[in-house]
Protein backbone atom coordinates (compact mmCIF):
# COMPACT_ATOMS: atom_id res chain seq x y z
CA MET A 1 4.79 19.28 16.03
CA ASN A 2 4.74 15.69 17.21
CA LYS A 3 7.35 13.76 14.66
CA PHE A 4 5.33 10.23 15.63
CA VAL A 5 8.80 8.04 14.64
CA GLY A 6 6.54 5.69 15.93
CA LEU A 7 4.06 5.85 13.18
CA ASP A 8 7.53 6.06 10.54
CA VAL A 9 7.76 2.37 12.75
CA LEU A 10 4.66 1.38 11.30
CA ARG A 11 4.33 2.57 7.62
CA PHE A 12 8.01 1.23 7.11
CA ALA A 13 7.23 -2.33 8.70
CA LEU A 14 3.85 -2.27 6.47
CA ALA A 15 5.66 -1.37 3.34
CA VAL A 16 8.16 -4.96 4.04
CA TYR A 17 5.10 -6.52 4.70
CA LEU A 18 3.31 -5.63 1.63
CA MET A 19 6.46 -6.90 -0.31
CA VAL A 20 7.01 -10.18 0.81
CA PHE A 21 2.59 -10.59 0.67
CA HIS A 22 3.58 -9.85 -3.35
CA SER A 23 7.06 -11.94 -3.97
CA ILE A 24 6.67 -14.67 -1.29
CA HIS A 25 3.73 -16.36 -3.25
CA GLN A 26 5.97 -16.81 -6.17
CA TYR A 27 7.80 -19.88 -4.67
CA PRO A 28 6.84 -22.99 -4.86
CA GLN A 29 8.38 -23.85 -1.36
CA TYR A 30 6.39 -20.58 0.41
CA VAL A 31 3.91 -23.26 1.43
CA THR A 32 6.28 -25.76 3.64
CA LEU A 33 6.84 -22.13 5.45
CA PRO A 34 5.98 -22.37 9.55
CA PHE A 35 3.02 -19.71 9.22
CA VAL A 36 3.14 -18.74 6.14
CA GLU A 37 -0.99 -18.54 6.41
CA LEU A 38 0.40 -14.44 8.07
CA ALA A 39 2.11 -13.76 5.29
CA ASN A 40 -1.36 -14.11 3.16
CA LEU A 41 -3.17 -10.72 4.61
CA GLY A 42 -2.19 -8.21 2.05
CA GLY A 43 -5.63 -6.13 2.62
CA PHE A 44 -4.05 -5.54 6.04
CA ALA A 45 -1.48 -3.52 5.20
CA THR A 46 -3.24 -1.51 2.59
CA SER A 47 -5.92 -0.82 4.96
CA SER A 48 -3.81 0.36 7.52
CA PHE A 49 -1.66 2.23 4.82
CA PHE A 50 -4.92 4.05 4.65
CA ILE A 51 -6.45 4.87 7.50
CA LEU A 52 -2.15 5.83 8.72
CA SER A 53 -2.77 8.40 5.66
CA GLY A 54 -5.64 10.00 7.40
CA PHE A 55 -4.04 10.25 10.29
CA ILE A 56 -0.88 11.63 9.40
CA LEU A 57 -2.81 13.98 7.14
CA ALA A 58 -4.57 15.66 9.76
CA HIS A 59 -1.69 16.39 11.53
CA VAL A 60 0.29 17.54 8.88
CA TYR A 61 -2.38 20.04 7.53
CA PHE A 62 -4.17 20.56 10.87
CA GLY A 63 -2.65 19.79 13.72
CA ARG A 64 -4.56 21.52 16.99
CA SER A 65 -5.85 23.79 14.02
CA VAL A 66 -9.34 23.43 12.40
CA GLU A 67 -7.68 25.78 8.56
CA LEU A 68 -6.11 23.81 6.58
CA ARG A 69 -2.84 24.68 6.46
CA GLY A 70 -1.35 26.40 3.92
CA GLY A 71 -4.54 26.51 1.71
CA THR A 72 -6.02 23.67 -0.68
CA ARG A 73 -3.94 24.71 -3.61
CA GLU A 74 -0.65 24.53 -1.36
CA PHE A 75 -2.01 20.41 -0.30
CA PHE A 76 -2.42 19.61 -3.70
CA VAL A 77 0.59 20.31 -4.59
CA LYS A 78 2.60 18.80 -2.15
CA ARG A 79 0.68 15.93 -2.15
CA LEU A 80 0.81 15.37 -5.63
CA SER A 81 4.28 15.86 -5.82
CA ASN A 82 5.23 13.38 -3.57
CA LEU A 83 2.81 10.39 -4.98
CA TYR A 84 3.19 10.64 -8.72
CA PRO A 85 6.88 10.75 -9.19
CA VAL A 86 6.58 7.83 -7.79
CA HIS A 87 4.06 5.97 -9.64
CA LEU A 88 5.28 7.46 -13.20
CA ILE A 89 8.71 6.03 -12.51
CA ALA A 90 7.38 2.44 -11.23
CA LEU A 91 5.81 2.34 -13.45
CA VAL A 92 8.64 2.82 -16.88
CA LEU A 93 10.10 0.13 -14.75
CA VAL A 94 7.59 -1.99 -15.05
CA LEU A 95 7.06 -1.12 -18.55
CA LEU A 96 10.77 -2.10 -18.85
CA VAL A 97 10.79 -5.52 -17.25
CA SER A 98 8.11 -6.57 -19.26
CA ALA A 99 9.92 -5.47 -22.61
CA ALA A 100 12.51 -8.04 -22.22
CA GLY A 101 9.72 -11.14 -21.36
CA THR A 102 7.19 -12.43 -22.27
CA ARG A 103 4.35 -10.82 -20.96
CA GLY A 104 2.64 -8.66 -23.83
CA TYR A 105 1.62 -5.40 -23.07
CA GLN A 106 -1.94 -6.19 -23.69
CA GLN A 107 -2.23 -8.15 -21.45
CA PHE A 108 -3.89 -7.45 -18.66
CA ALA A 109 -4.48 -9.28 -15.13
CA ILE A 110 -8.50 -10.43 -13.83
CA MET A 111 -9.60 -11.84 -10.42
CA SER A 112 -12.12 -13.27 -8.80
CA LEU A 113 -13.01 -14.98 -5.35
CA ASP A 114 -13.60 -17.98 -6.99
CA ASP A 115 -10.97 -18.96 -9.39
CA ALA A 116 -6.97 -17.76 -9.05
CA GLU A 117 -5.86 -14.71 -11.06
CA HIS A 118 -4.69 -14.83 -14.88
CA TYR A 119 -4.74 -12.53 -17.74
CA VAL A 120 -6.66 -11.70 -20.62
CA THR A 121 -5.24 -9.93 -24.04
CA LEU A 122 -6.88 -7.13 -24.92
CA GLY A 123 -7.63 -5.37 -28.29
CA PRO A 124 -5.72 -2.13 -29.28
CA THR A 125 -8.28 0.06 -28.20
CA GLU A 126 -9.43 -1.24 -24.67
CA THR A 127 -5.14 -1.78 -23.55
CA ALA A 128 -4.99 2.18 -24.96
CA ILE A 129 -7.60 3.21 -22.46
CA ASN A 130 -5.91 1.04 -19.93
CA PHE A 131 -2.63 2.67 -19.89
CA VAL A 132 -3.80 6.20 -20.16
CA LEU A 133 -6.03 5.23 -16.83
CA ASN A 134 -2.57 3.51 -15.17
CA LEU A 135 -1.10 6.66 -16.39
CA PHE A 136 -3.26 9.37 -14.36
CA LEU A 137 -3.58 7.22 -11.66
CA LEU A 138 -7.50 6.43 -12.82
CA GLN A 139 -7.45 2.42 -13.33
CA VAL A 140 -9.60 2.00 -10.11
CA TRP A 141 -12.42 3.29 -11.99
CA ASN A 142 -12.18 -0.03 -14.16
CA PRO A 143 -12.53 -2.86 -11.57
CA LEU A 144 -12.36 -5.66 -14.29
CA TYR A 145 -8.16 -5.16 -14.85
CA GLY A 146 -5.32 -5.23 -12.43
CA SER A 147 -2.78 -2.27 -12.93
CA VAL A 148 0.33 -2.11 -15.10
CA ASN A 149 2.36 -2.18 -11.74
CA PRO A 150 0.15 -4.19 -8.74
CA PRO A 151 0.31 -2.28 -6.39
CA SER A 152 0.08 1.41 -8.10
CA TRP A 153 -4.02 0.65 -7.37
CA SER A 154 -3.83 1.49 -3.98
CA LEU A 155 -1.63 5.08 -5.34
CA ALA A 156 -5.02 5.59 -7.33
CA THR A 157 -6.85 5.08 -4.53
CA LEU A 158 -4.69 7.84 -2.31
CA PHE A 159 -5.00 10.30 -4.85
CA PHE A 160 -8.79 9.99 -4.58
CA PHE A 161 -8.78 10.55 -1.14
CA TYR A 162 -6.37 13.53 -1.20
CA LEU A 163 -9.14 14.82 -3.66
CA ALA A 164 -11.38 14.59 -0.79
CA PHE A 165 -9.62 15.76 2.00
CA PRO A 166 -9.53 19.35 2.50
CA PHE A 167 -13.53 18.46 2.11
CA PHE A 168 -13.86 15.98 4.76
CA ALA A 169 -10.96 16.63 7.10
CA PRO A 170 -12.06 20.18 8.82
CA ARG A 171 -15.69 18.39 9.07
CA LEU A 172 -14.78 15.28 10.99
CA LEU A 173 -12.09 16.81 12.68
CA LYS A 174 -14.87 19.36 14.33
CA ALA A 175 -17.33 16.29 15.23
CA ARG A 176 -17.90 16.20 18.54
CA ASN A 177 -18.65 11.88 19.30
CA LYS A 178 -15.95 10.85 17.27
CA HIS A 179 -16.34 7.53 18.73
CA ARG A 180 -19.91 7.17 17.64
CA LEU A 181 -18.51 8.02 14.09
CA LEU A 182 -15.80 5.82 14.19
CA LEU A 183 -18.34 3.20 14.49
CA ILE A 184 -20.57 4.36 11.68
CA LEU A 185 -17.45 4.51 9.47
CA TRP A 186 -16.86 1.16 10.36
CA VAL A 187 -20.66 -0.16 9.73
CA LEU A 188 -20.22 1.76 6.01
CA TYR A 189 -17.43 -0.13 5.29
CA LEU A 190 -18.87 -3.27 5.75
CA VAL A 191 -22.12 -2.28 4.07
CA PRO A 192 -20.68 -3.91 0.44
CA PRO A 193 -18.48 -6.67 1.46
CA VAL A 194 -21.63 -8.40 3.51
CA PHE A 195 -23.75 -6.85 0.53
CA ALA A 196 -21.72 -8.93 -2.05
CA THR A 197 -21.08 -11.91 -0.02
CA LEU A 198 -24.80 -12.37 0.78
CA MET A 199 -25.58 -11.90 -3.81
CA HIS A 200 -22.55 -14.20 -3.91
CA TRP A 201 -20.81 -11.51 -6.67
CA TYR A 202 -17.42 -13.21 -6.74
CA GLY A 203 -17.09 -11.78 -10.33
CA PRO A 204 -13.97 -9.76 -11.61
CA ALA A 205 -16.30 -6.90 -11.46
CA ALA A 206 -17.52 -7.58 -8.32
CA VAL A 207 -14.00 -8.16 -6.85
CA GLY A 208 -12.55 -5.18 -8.08
CA ILE A 209 -15.53 -3.12 -6.94
CA VAL A 210 -15.88 -4.38 -3.45
CA THR A 211 -12.00 -4.47 -2.98
CA ARG A 212 -10.76 -1.64 -4.73
CA ASN A 213 -12.81 1.11 -5.50
CA PRO A 214 -11.85 4.50 -3.63
CA VAL A 215 -15.36 5.47 -2.57
CA LEU A 216 -16.10 2.04 -0.84
CA ARG A 217 -12.54 2.19 1.05
CA LEU A 218 -13.44 6.25 1.90
CA PRO A 219 -14.08 5.32 5.65
CA GLU A 220 -10.59 3.90 6.33
CA PHE A 221 -8.89 6.98 5.43
CA LEU A 222 -11.95 9.21 7.00
CA GLY A 223 -11.41 6.84 9.44
CA GLY A 224 -7.91 7.62 10.04
CA ILE A 225 -8.86 11.65 10.42
CA VAL A 226 -11.44 10.96 12.91
CA LEU A 227 -8.88 8.90 14.98
CA TYR A 228 -5.82 11.55 14.78
CA GLY A 229 -9.45 13.75 16.13
CA LEU A 230 -9.59 11.36 19.20
CA PHE A 231 -5.53 12.12 19.53
CA ARG A 232 -5.38 15.71 19.52
CA GLU A 233 -8.12 15.74 22.42
CA GLY A 234 -6.55 13.22 24.29
CA HIS A 235 -8.91 10.54 24.44
CA LEU A 236 -6.02 7.35 23.41
CA THR A 237 -3.67 8.80 25.91
CA ALA A 238 -4.75 6.45 28.60
CA ILE A 239 -3.50 3.11 26.12
CA HIS A 240 -0.06 4.30 26.26
CA ARG A 241 0.00 5.35 29.69
CA SER A 242 -0.74 1.78 31.47
CA GLY A 243 1.51 -1.49 30.38
CA MET A 244 -1.85 -3.37 30.98
CA LYS A 245 -4.05 -1.46 28.51
CA LEU A 246 -1.02 -1.07 25.42
CA ALA A 247 -0.36 -4.93 26.31
CA ALA A 248 -4.53 -5.68 26.08
CA ALA A 249 -4.78 -3.41 23.10
CA LEU A 250 -2.01 -5.59 21.18
CA LEU A 251 -3.28 -8.93 22.35
CA VAL A 252 -6.41 -7.94 20.29
CA PHE A 253 -4.62 -7.37 17.73
CA ALA A 254 -2.96 -10.27 17.54
CA GLY A 255 -5.41 -12.17 17.82
CA SER A 256 -7.68 -10.70 15.28
CA PHE A 257 -4.59 -11.09 12.49
CA ALA A 258 -3.99 -14.03 13.16
CA ALA A 259 -7.64 -15.58 12.86
CA ALA A 260 -8.16 -13.25 9.46
CA ALA A 261 -4.95 -14.94 8.36
CA TRP A 262 -6.74 -18.50 9.36
CA PHE A 263 -10.21 -17.84 7.82
CA GLU A 264 -8.14 -16.15 4.31
CA SER A 265 -6.15 -18.96 4.14
CA HIS A 266 -8.94 -21.89 5.59
CA GLY A 267 -11.69 -20.58 5.37
CA SER A 268 -14.58 -20.65 3.55
CA ILE A 269 -15.17 -17.94 0.06
CA ASN A 270 -18.17 -16.21 2.32
CA THR A 271 -15.26 -14.78 3.96
CA ARG A 272 -13.49 -13.70 2.00
CA TYR A 273 -15.07 -10.54 1.14
CA LEU A 274 -14.99 -9.50 5.00
CA VAL A 275 -11.56 -10.85 5.84
CA HIS A 276 -10.14 -7.96 3.53
CA ASN A 277 -12.90 -5.27 3.61
CA GLY A 278 -14.33 -4.01 7.28
CA ALA A 279 -13.47 -7.27 9.43
CA LEU A 280 -9.79 -5.91 10.70
CA MET A 281 -10.65 -2.22 10.86
CA PRO A 282 -11.04 -1.89 14.43
CA ALA A 283 -7.67 -3.82 14.45
CA GLU A 284 -6.06 -1.82 12.25
CA LEU A 285 -7.41 1.82 13.65
CA LEU A 286 -5.76 0.30 17.35
CA LEU A 287 -2.51 -1.15 15.84
CA VAL A 288 -1.93 2.91 14.54
CA ALA A 289 -3.35 4.48 17.93
CA VAL A 290 -1.07 2.70 19.70
CA PHE A 291 2.15 3.53 17.38
CA ALA A 292 1.23 6.99 17.10
CA GLY A 293 2.11 6.62 21.19
CA LEU A 294 4.82 4.62 20.20
CA SER A 295 8.29 5.61 22.09
CA VAL A 296 11.51 5.58 20.13
CA PRO A 297 15.31 5.30 21.30
CA SER A 298 17.01 9.25 19.98
CA ARG A 299 19.84 7.69 18.79
CA PHE A 300 16.99 5.48 16.07
CA ALA A 301 14.71 8.33 15.52
CA ALA A 302 16.69 9.63 12.78
CA LEU A 303 17.18 6.21 10.71
CA SER A 304 13.31 5.39 11.66
CA THR A 305 12.52 8.11 10.17
CA ARG A 306 14.06 8.07 7.08
CA LEU A 307 12.91 4.30 6.56
CA GLY A 308 9.95 5.62 7.01
CA ASN A 309 9.89 8.36 4.03
CA SER A 310 11.28 5.94 1.69
CA ALA A 311 7.94 3.68 2.34
CA LEU A 312 6.23 4.38 -0.61
CA SER A 313 9.29 4.04 -2.78
CA LEU A 314 9.08 0.70 -1.26
CA PHE A 315 5.97 0.23 -1.93
CA ALA A 316 5.90 1.17 -5.65
CA ILE A 317 9.40 -0.21 -6.47
CA HIS A 318 9.58 -4.04 -5.29
CA VAL A 319 7.94 -5.65 -8.22
CA PRO A 320 9.34 -4.39 -10.90
CA ILE A 321 13.13 -5.65 -8.66
CA PHE A 322 11.47 -8.80 -8.12
CA LEU A 323 10.94 -9.17 -11.45
CA VAL A 324 14.54 -8.92 -12.57
CA MET A 325 16.35 -10.44 -10.13
CA MET A 326 13.74 -13.72 -10.72
CA LYS A 327 14.40 -13.43 -14.74
CA VAL A 328 18.36 -13.08 -14.06
CA LEU A 329 18.19 -15.79 -11.33
CA LYS A 330 16.62 -18.27 -13.70
CA LEU A 331 18.83 -17.84 -16.54
CA LEU A 332 21.65 -18.51 -14.55
CA SER A 333 20.22 -20.59 -13.28
CA ILE A 334 20.09 -22.91 -17.06
CA GLY A 335 23.24 -23.29 -17.28
CA LYS A 336 23.84 -21.22 -19.92
CA SER A 337 26.31 -18.03 -20.86
CA PRO A 338 25.18 -14.46 -21.45
CA LEU A 339 26.50 -14.38 -24.91
CA TRP A 340 24.34 -17.25 -25.77
CA CYS A 341 21.03 -16.08 -23.83
CA ALA A 342 21.60 -12.73 -25.72
CA SER A 343 21.99 -14.82 -29.49
CA HIS A 344 18.96 -17.43 -28.83
CA PHE A 345 16.83 -14.99 -26.35
CA SER A 346 13.68 -16.91 -26.69
CA GLU A 347 15.25 -20.36 -25.98
CA CYS A 348 17.36 -19.18 -23.29
CA VAL A 349 13.22 -17.64 -21.82
CA ALA A 350 11.47 -20.77 -22.65
CA ALA A 351 14.45 -22.84 -20.59
CA SER A 352 14.49 -21.09 -17.44
CA LYS A 353 10.13 -20.74 -17.53
CA GLU A 354 11.46 -24.54 -16.27
CA VAL A 355 13.50 -23.42 -13.53
CA ILE A 356 11.61 -23.65 -9.98
CA PRO A 357 13.35 -20.29 -8.31
CA SER A 358 15.73 -20.74 -5.24
CA MET A 359 14.40 -18.83 -1.54
CA ALA A 360 17.82 -18.63 -0.81
CA THR A 361 18.68 -15.33 -2.45
CA TYR A 362 15.35 -14.34 -0.75
CA PRO A 363 16.50 -12.65 2.30
CA LEU A 364 19.20 -10.54 -0.26
CA TYR A 365 16.28 -9.31 -2.34
CA LEU A 366 14.40 -8.17 0.90
CA ILE A 367 17.43 -6.30 1.86
CA GLY A 368 18.59 -5.11 -0.85
CA THR A 369 15.62 -3.37 -2.31
CA VAL A 370 15.13 -1.79 1.03
CA ILE A 371 18.23 -0.18 0.63
CA ALA A 372 17.51 1.00 -3.37
CA ALA A 373 14.06 2.26 -2.16
CA VAL A 374 15.70 4.64 0.41
CA TYR A 375 18.30 5.90 -1.93
CA PHE A 376 15.65 6.06 -4.94
CA GLN A 377 13.92 7.98 -2.30
CA GLU A 378 16.35 10.41 -1.44
CA ARG A 379 18.64 11.25 -4.20
CA LEU A 380 15.43 10.89 -7.02
CA VAL A 381 12.13 11.07 -5.86
CA ALA A 382 12.76 14.31 -3.02
CA PRO A 383 14.64 16.59 -5.11
CA LEU A 384 12.36 16.01 -8.10
CA ARG A 385 9.49 16.63 -5.52
CA ASP A 386 11.10 19.77 -4.42
CA TRP A 387 11.78 21.04 -7.70
CA ILE A 388 7.42 20.34 -8.39
CA ARG A 389 6.86 22.38 -5.32
CA GLY A 390 9.56 24.86 -6.17
CA ARG A 391 7.86 25.36 -9.52
CA PHE A 392 4.08 25.01 -8.72
CA LEU A 393 4.52 27.25 -5.42
CA ARG A 394 5.15 30.16 -4.63
CA ALA A 395 6.89 30.52 -1.38
CA ARG A 396 9.05 27.80 -1.17
CA THR A 397 9.04 26.36 2.04
CA ARG A 398 10.84 22.99 3.42
CA ALA A 399 8.92 20.37 3.74
CA PRO A 400 8.95 19.91 8.08
CA ALA A 401 10.76 16.20 8.78
CA ALA A 402 7.30 14.82 9.83
CA GLU A 403 5.60 14.90 6.74
CA PRO A 404 4.97 11.56 5.75
CA GLY A 405 6.48 10.19 2.28
CA SER A 406 4.46 6.98 2.16
CA VAL A 407 0.60 8.66 2.40
């Protein structure tokens, strides 16, 4: 079975990009960095993950076949055992970090296109409902509030995609004119953001529905499945056999990415929905197609797969690690001893709020979080995943090396 080591490289790179997107904007100095606009497209990385997920799952569970390998039950057990432990552990970590800070459990993020993200305080009943939704990866069905662990909204969307996969995948892979099908999926994906823009729906509920609703994001995942269908039928080989075509594909992607980054950073509010949802989909499909045929030297293949398998863990735990690092750096910068801070906690926290964090340690955060994610995946998530599979599957089978750890 093709291991698609190139896709391991891509999913790791996308996870690192999202880590930078979620963290670098917390430093006031980031505005002075050259080409910082290129770090503003978090939606690109998430969308590419969704496309990549459809592609890899179609490969792992169908390959050249027309039947779902192992059956529906085995598919759900394997997918949920890979997704839910990461989500649950990351959620606990975020709650522990929040308990040591000043933001209460009743505060939830709310966002609109014409205003910066801010927090609102909910009542006990609504707070409990939102925590239950977050616990069971259902928070994306309440469009008003952000997730307790911000990146986990995409895990909730993946959860929905997994439920849809056994129904859609065999039908899409059997479709004859897959190029036309990709065009139809793209148009369907563009309809909600275009309509919301025309109606000037920029409030929290509209933003939550357009940008995070799993049904509206489904065309990306389905597009990845169709793209794999084109790959297994040999329609994408021409890109990799010609250096000119490969260079042209990368140039199209780079141009699309740069234009989207400019519009996201400097364009009007009327372009934001499209940049986040839909405008980049052809470029994202092209990116996955290019990396699907990428040849990685054998001496780097094992490391690439290892990093790729840690991508989901990196995506899930980088926020709590960053929050801890920022709190520690701020506390160390106020010039008080840890013992004094322990006995004057509120005063320490108040003083630390005035500290402007330095970016000098930022590279250490990036490297340290990658290392932590690899060991988190291999020493905690993977054994737990294998235990769940052994518990709920009659014949415990060892997952192939190419099975996605991030999708």
